[in-house]
Amino acid sequence: MSRKRRNFSAKFKSDLVIDLLKGEKDLNTLATENNIQPNLLRNWKREFLNNASAVFDD
């Protein structure tokens, strides 16, 4: 029996990464509270920071 792959919205991902960057909660706490793997949140953070400069492109 296969598990269904979960899809997360861009808003959900960005909200979690912003919460992580605020530093009020650590990565493991945020991941546990949102029922995701810490590595997934770590990957989202890396992608968010790598693409942050695109916001200011013309």
N, C-alpha and C. Protein backbone atom coordinates (compact mmCIF):
# COMPACT_ATOMS: atom_id res chain seq x y z
N MET A 1 0.84 -1.17 0.00
CA MET A 1 0.00 0.00 0.00
C MET A 1 0.90 1.25 0.00
N SER A 2 0.72 2.10 -0.95
CA SER A 2 1.58 3.28 -1.08
C SER A 2 0.95 4.48 -0.36
N ARG A 3 1.83 5.34 0.12
CA ARG A 3 1.37 6.55 0.78
C ARG A 3 1.22 7.65 -0.25
N LYS A 4 0.23 8.52 -0.02
CA LYS A 4 0.00 9.64 -0.91
C LYS A 4 1.00 10.75 -0.59
N ARG A 5 1.62 11.27 -1.59
CA ARG A 5 2.59 12.36 -1.42
C ARG A 5 1.85 13.65 -1.08
N ARG A 6 2.30 14.30 -0.02
CA ARG A 6 1.65 15.54 0.39
C ARG A 6 2.22 16.71 -0.39
N ASN A 7 1.37 17.67 -0.71
CA ASN A 7 1.78 18.90 -1.40
C ASN A 7 1.53 20.07 -0.46
N PHE A 8 2.51 20.94 -0.35
CA PHE A 8 2.40 22.10 0.52
C PHE A 8 2.36 23.35 -0.34
N SER A 9 1.53 24.29 0.06
CA SER A 9 1.42 25.54 -0.69
C SER A 9 2.66 26.40 -0.47
N ALA A 10 2.88 27.30 -1.40
CA ALA A 10 4.01 28.22 -1.28
C ALA A 10 3.85 29.10 -0.04
N LYS A 11 2.62 29.48 0.27
CA LYS A 11 2.36 30.32 1.45
C LYS A 11 2.73 29.56 2.73
N PHE A 12 2.35 28.30 2.82
CA PHE A 12 2.67 27.49 3.98
C PHE A 12 4.19 27.39 4.16
N LYS A 13 4.89 27.11 3.06
CA LYS A 13 6.34 26.99 3.11
C LYS A 13 6.99 28.30 3.54
N SER A 14 6.59 29.39 2.93
CA SER A 14 7.21 30.68 3.24
C SER A 14 6.90 31.12 4.66
N ASP A 15 5.69 30.86 5.13
CA ASP A 15 5.34 31.21 6.52
C ASP A 15 6.22 30.45 7.51
N LEU A 16 6.44 29.17 7.26
CA LEU A 16 7.29 28.38 8.15
C LEU A 16 8.74 28.87 8.11
N VAL A 17 9.24 29.15 6.93
CA VAL A 17 10.63 29.62 6.81
C VAL A 17 10.79 30.97 7.50
N ILE A 18 9.83 31.85 7.35
CA ILE A 18 9.90 33.15 8.02
C ILE A 18 9.87 32.98 9.53
N ASP A 19 9.02 32.08 10.02
CA ASP A 19 9.00 31.79 11.46
C ASP A 19 10.36 31.26 11.91
N LEU A 20 10.97 30.42 11.11
CA LEU A 20 12.28 29.87 11.44
C LEU A 20 13.34 30.96 11.47
N LEU A 21 13.29 31.86 10.51
CA LEU A 21 14.28 32.94 10.45
C LEU A 21 14.11 33.94 11.59
N LYS A 22 12.91 34.08 12.11
CA LYS A 22 12.68 34.97 13.24
C LYS A 22 13.44 34.49 14.47
N GLY A 23 13.64 33.19 14.57
CA GLY A 23 14.42 32.64 15.66
C GLY A 23 13.66 32.41 16.94
N GLU A 24 12.35 32.57 16.93
CA GLU A 24 11.57 32.35 18.15
C GLU A 24 11.47 30.87 18.49
N LYS A 25 11.48 30.02 17.47
CA LYS A 25 11.43 28.57 17.66
C LYS A 25 12.53 27.96 16.81
N ASP A 26 13.07 26.84 17.27
CA ASP A 26 14.11 26.19 16.49
C ASP A 26 13.50 25.30 15.41
N LEU A 27 14.35 24.83 14.55
CA LEU A 27 13.93 24.05 13.38
C LEU A 27 13.16 22.80 13.79
N ASN A 28 13.66 22.05 14.76
CA ASN A 28 13.01 20.80 15.17
C ASN A 28 11.63 21.06 15.77
N THR A 29 11.49 22.13 16.52
CA THR A 29 10.20 22.45 17.11
C THR A 29 9.17 22.79 16.04
N LEU A 30 9.56 23.64 15.10
CA LEU A 30 8.65 24.00 14.01
C LEU A 30 8.26 22.78 13.17
N ALA A 31 9.22 21.94 12.89
CA ALA A 31 8.94 20.74 12.10
C ALA A 31 7.97 19.82 12.82
N THR A 32 8.19 19.61 14.10
CA THR A 32 7.32 18.73 14.88
C THR A 32 5.91 19.30 14.97
N GLU A 33 5.80 20.59 15.23
CA GLU A 33 4.49 21.22 15.36
C GLU A 33 3.68 21.15 14.07
N ASN A 34 4.37 21.11 12.93
CA ASN A 34 3.69 21.10 11.64
C ASN A 34 3.71 19.74 10.96
N ASN A 35 4.18 18.73 11.69
CA ASN A 35 4.16 17.35 11.22
C ASN A 35 4.91 17.17 9.90
N ILE A 36 6.11 17.77 9.84
CA ILE A 36 6.98 17.59 8.68
C ILE A 36 8.37 17.19 9.18
N GLN A 37 9.19 16.70 8.28
CA GLN A 37 10.55 16.31 8.62
C GLN A 37 11.44 17.55 8.70
N PRO A 38 12.36 17.59 9.66
CA PRO A 38 13.27 18.72 9.77
C PRO A 38 14.07 18.98 8.50
N ASN A 39 14.48 17.92 7.80
CA ASN A 39 15.23 18.10 6.56
C ASN A 39 14.42 18.83 5.50
N LEU A 40 13.12 18.58 5.48
CA LEU A 40 12.26 19.26 4.51
C LEU A 40 12.24 20.76 4.79
N LEU A 41 12.11 21.13 6.05
CA LEU A 41 12.12 22.54 6.42
C LEU A 41 13.49 23.16 6.15
N ARG A 42 14.54 22.42 6.39
CA ARG A 42 15.90 22.90 6.10
C ARG A 42 16.07 23.16 4.60
N ASN A 43 15.54 22.28 3.78
CA ASN A 43 15.61 22.46 2.32
C ASN A 43 14.81 23.68 1.87
N TRP A 44 13.63 23.88 2.47
CA TRP A 44 12.82 25.04 2.13
C TRP A 44 13.54 26.32 2.50
N LYS A 45 14.22 26.33 3.64
CA LYS A 45 14.96 27.51 4.07
C LYS A 45 16.08 27.82 3.09
N ARG A 46 16.83 26.79 2.68
CA ARG A 46 17.92 26.98 1.73
C ARG A 46 17.40 27.53 0.41
N GLU A 47 16.31 26.98 -0.09
CA GLU A 47 15.72 27.44 -1.35
C GLU A 47 15.22 28.88 -1.22
N PHE A 48 14.61 29.19 -0.10
CA PHE A 48 14.10 30.54 0.16
C PHE A 48 15.24 31.55 0.14
N LEU A 49 16.33 31.26 0.83
CA LEU A 49 17.45 32.19 0.90
C LEU A 49 18.19 32.30 -0.44
N ASN A 50 18.29 31.20 -1.17
CA ASN A 50 18.95 31.23 -2.48
C ASN A 50 18.18 32.05 -3.50
N ASN A 51 16.86 32.11 -3.35
CA ASN A 51 16.02 32.82 -4.32
C ASN A 51 15.53 34.17 -3.82
N ALA A 52 15.99 34.60 -2.67
CA ALA A 52 15.52 35.86 -2.09
C ALA A 52 15.87 37.06 -2.97
N SER A 53 17.00 37.02 -3.62
CA SER A 53 17.41 38.17 -4.44
C SER A 53 16.50 38.35 -5.65
N ALA A 54 15.76 37.33 -6.06
CA ALA A 54 14.86 37.44 -7.20
C ALA A 54 13.74 38.43 -6.93
N VAL A 55 13.43 38.68 -5.68
CA VAL A 55 12.37 39.64 -5.33
C VAL A 55 12.74 41.03 -5.81
N PHE A 56 14.03 41.36 -5.81
CA PHE A 56 14.46 42.71 -6.15
C PHE A 56 14.93 42.86 -7.59
N ASP A 57 14.82 41.79 -8.38
CA ASP A 57 15.17 41.88 -9.81
C ASP A 57 14.12 42.70 -10.55
N ASP A 58 14.58 43.40 -11.57
CA ASP A 58 13.65 44.20 -12.38
C ASP A 58 12.91 43.32 -13.37
